[in-house]
Amino acid sequence: FQAHNIALGVVSGARRSEIETVLERAMLRNAFEIIVAAEDITHSKPSPEGYQRAIATFSSRYPDWNLQPHHCLAIEDSFPGLEAARSAQIPVVGVAHTYPFHMMQRRANWAVDNLEDLEVERLLEVFSSDSKNDPEDPNNKRLEVSALASRHE
């Protein structure tokens, strides 16, 4: 993701301290620009509030992005998470960790068996129809919030 200039974030119902601990132990903390945790929202998934907060956070950090939900991509492994992303009008990839692939496939825009199966090239394909986005632009950043991936315009 970093090689393709995709900004990452986490949207989770877990407490910030728990998220930070897991990311630090996995040596991934520096890979994520933002974290939206349980203490940042009033309603957890399936409410879209966490994703809406993530978009607002990235929008305030990068106002020139003009970030919209359809510019983003959620990566989720639960039905409440899928519902939250879809309610926020964010396309979503279902990861078949908890539920069978066919069930995730029915509820997501596309599904994968494992996170390892999520190819960056496939992610970029989702946004290839965005003709306003110039991949050669050095200021071009993309966003992925715990499942949010976005190309700014």
Protein backbone atom coordinates (compact mmCIF):
# COMPACT_ATOMS: atom_id res chain seq x y z
CA PHE A 1 0.00 0.00 0.00
CA GLN A 2 2.79 2.42 0.83
CA ALA A 3 4.45 1.83 -2.55
CA HIS A 4 1.21 2.99 -4.19
CA ASN A 5 0.86 6.04 -1.91
CA ILE A 6 -2.26 4.74 -0.16
CA ALA A 7 -2.91 6.39 3.17
CA LEU A 8 -4.21 3.94 5.77
CA GLY A 9 -6.41 4.29 8.79
CA VAL A 10 -8.32 2.12 11.22
CA VAL A 11 -12.03 2.30 12.03
CA SER A 12 -12.78 -0.01 14.93
CA GLY A 13 -15.14 -0.50 17.84
CA ALA A 14 -12.15 -1.39 20.03
CA ARG A 15 -10.57 1.06 22.46
CA ARG A 16 -7.68 3.16 21.11
CA SER A 17 -5.20 1.63 23.57
CA GLU A 18 -6.07 -1.88 22.33
CA ILE A 19 -5.72 -0.86 18.68
CA GLU A 20 -2.40 0.88 19.36
CA THR A 21 -1.08 -2.19 21.21
CA VAL A 22 -1.97 -4.57 18.39
CA LEU A 23 -0.51 -2.27 15.71
CA GLU A 24 2.69 -1.71 17.70
CA ARG A 25 3.18 -5.44 18.35
CA ALA A 26 2.67 -6.12 14.65
CA MET A 27 5.08 -3.25 13.88
CA LEU A 28 2.38 -1.59 11.77
CA ARG A 29 1.58 1.54 13.78
CA ASN A 30 3.45 3.86 11.41
CA ALA A 31 1.49 2.47 8.45
CA PHE A 32 -1.78 4.04 9.68
CA GLU A 33 -2.34 7.79 9.57
CA ILE A 34 -5.51 7.84 11.64
CA ILE A 35 -7.41 5.70 14.10
CA VAL A 36 -11.11 6.05 14.81
CA ALA A 37 -11.73 4.08 18.02
CA ALA A 38 -14.66 3.37 20.33
CA GLU A 39 -14.06 6.54 22.35
CA ASP A 40 -14.30 8.68 19.19
CA ILE A 41 -17.88 7.71 18.36
CA THR A 42 -21.27 7.47 20.04
CA HIS A 43 -22.65 4.54 18.03
CA SER A 44 -20.62 1.51 16.98
CA LYS A 45 -20.99 -0.59 13.85
CA PRO A 46 -23.39 -1.19 12.14
CA SER A 47 -23.76 2.58 12.48
CA PRO A 48 -21.80 4.42 9.76
CA GLU A 49 -20.56 6.95 12.33
CA GLY A 50 -17.01 5.55 12.52
CA TYR A 51 -16.53 5.70 8.76
CA GLN A 52 -18.08 9.16 8.60
CA ARG A 53 -15.65 10.29 11.31
CA ALA A 54 -12.71 8.80 9.38
CA ILE A 55 -13.71 10.66 6.22
CA ALA A 56 -14.11 13.89 8.20
CA THR A 57 -10.69 13.40 9.82
CA PHE A 58 -8.95 12.81 6.52
CA SER A 59 -10.89 15.71 4.97
CA SER A 60 -9.71 18.11 7.66
CA ARG A 61 -6.14 16.84 7.29
CA TYR A 62 -6.23 17.01 3.47
CA PRO A 63 -8.86 19.62 2.49
CA ASP A 64 -7.72 19.65 -1.15
CA TRP A 65 -8.81 16.00 -1.53
CA ASN A 66 -12.51 16.89 -1.59
CA LEU A 67 -12.95 13.39 -0.19
CA GLN A 68 -16.32 11.73 -0.77
CA PRO A 69 -17.46 8.28 0.44
CA HIS A 70 -17.43 6.83 -3.08
CA HIS A 71 -13.72 7.73 -3.32
CA CYS A 72 -13.07 5.28 -0.49
CA LEU A 73 -12.95 1.54 0.05
CA ALA A 74 -13.76 -0.30 3.27
CA ILE A 75 -12.23 -3.66 4.13
CA GLU A 76 -14.41 -5.55 6.59
CA ASP A 77 -14.75 -9.04 8.03
CA SER A 78 -18.09 -8.77 9.85
CA PHE A 79 -21.69 -8.18 8.87
CA PRO A 80 -22.00 -5.10 11.13
CA GLY A 81 -18.83 -3.69 9.54
CA LEU A 82 -20.13 -4.34 6.02
CA GLU A 83 -23.40 -2.65 6.93
CA ALA A 84 -21.60 0.34 8.47
CA ALA A 85 -19.48 0.89 5.36
CA ARG A 86 -22.41 0.49 2.98
CA SER A 87 -24.55 2.83 5.10
CA ALA A 88 -21.74 5.37 4.83
CA GLN A 89 -21.94 4.84 1.02
CA ILE A 90 -18.42 3.40 0.90
CA PRO A 91 -17.69 0.46 -1.41
CA VAL A 92 -16.58 -2.51 0.67
CA VAL A 93 -14.47 -5.65 0.36
CA GLY A 94 -15.59 -8.54 2.55
CA VAL A 95 -12.84 -10.68 4.08
CA ALA A 96 -14.04 -14.21 4.85
CA HIS A 97 -12.43 -14.61 8.29
CA THR A 98 -15.56 -15.00 10.38
CA TYR A 99 -18.17 -15.82 7.77
CA PRO A 100 -18.02 -18.02 4.66
CA PHE A 101 -16.84 -16.45 1.42
CA HIS A 102 -20.23 -16.79 -0.30
CA MET A 103 -21.95 -14.90 2.52
CA MET A 104 -19.40 -12.07 2.39
CA GLN A 105 -19.64 -11.97 -1.40
CA ARG A 106 -23.41 -11.39 -1.22
CA ARG A 107 -23.05 -8.40 1.10
CA ALA A 108 -19.89 -6.73 -0.20
CA ASN A 109 -18.86 -5.20 -3.51
CA TRP A 110 -16.34 -8.02 -3.75
CA ALA A 111 -14.90 -10.59 -1.38
CA VAL A 112 -11.58 -12.27 -0.60
CA ASP A 113 -10.75 -15.31 1.51
CA ASN A 114 -7.84 -13.64 3.32
CA LEU A 115 -6.29 -10.19 3.57
CA GLU A 116 -3.33 -11.59 1.65
CA ASP A 117 -5.70 -12.06 -1.30
CA LEU A 118 -6.42 -8.33 -1.45
CA GLU A 119 -4.23 -7.14 -4.31
CA VAL A 120 -3.29 -3.48 -4.50
CA GLU A 121 -3.68 -3.66 -8.28
CA ARG A 122 -7.32 -4.75 -7.82
CA LEU A 123 -7.83 -1.90 -5.38
CA LEU A 124 -6.44 0.58 -7.89
CA GLU A 125 -8.70 -0.90 -10.58
CA VAL A 126 -11.71 0.16 -8.54
CA PHE A 127 -10.62 3.75 -8.96
CA SER A 128 -9.33 3.57 -12.54
CA SER A 129 -12.52 5.10 -13.91
CA ASP A 130 -11.79 8.31 -12.01
CA SER A 131 -10.41 10.24 -14.95
CA LYS A 132 -9.80 13.37 -12.87
CA ASN A 133 -7.14 11.56 -10.87
CA ASP A 134 -3.65 11.72 -12.33
CA PRO A 135 -1.54 8.80 -11.09
CA GLU A 136 1.61 10.69 -12.14
CA ASP A 137 0.75 13.59 -9.82
CA PRO A 138 3.28 13.45 -6.93
CA ASN A 139 0.63 14.94 -4.62
CA ASN A 140 -1.76 12.12 -5.43
CA LYS A 141 -2.59 10.29 -2.22
CA ARG A 142 -5.06 7.50 -1.77
CA LEU A 143 -6.78 6.62 1.45
CA GLU A 144 -7.69 3.40 3.13
CA VAL A 145 -9.40 3.52 6.46
CA SER A 146 -9.55 0.16 8.20
CA ALA A 147 -10.88 -0.23 5.32
CA LEU A 148 -11.01 3.00 3.63
CA ALA A 149 -9.17 3.45 0.38
CA SER A 150 -9.49 6.59 -1.64
CA ARG A 151 -8.10 8.56 -4.48
CA HIS A 152 -8.43 12.28 -4.06
CA GLU A 153 -9.41 14.52 -6.95
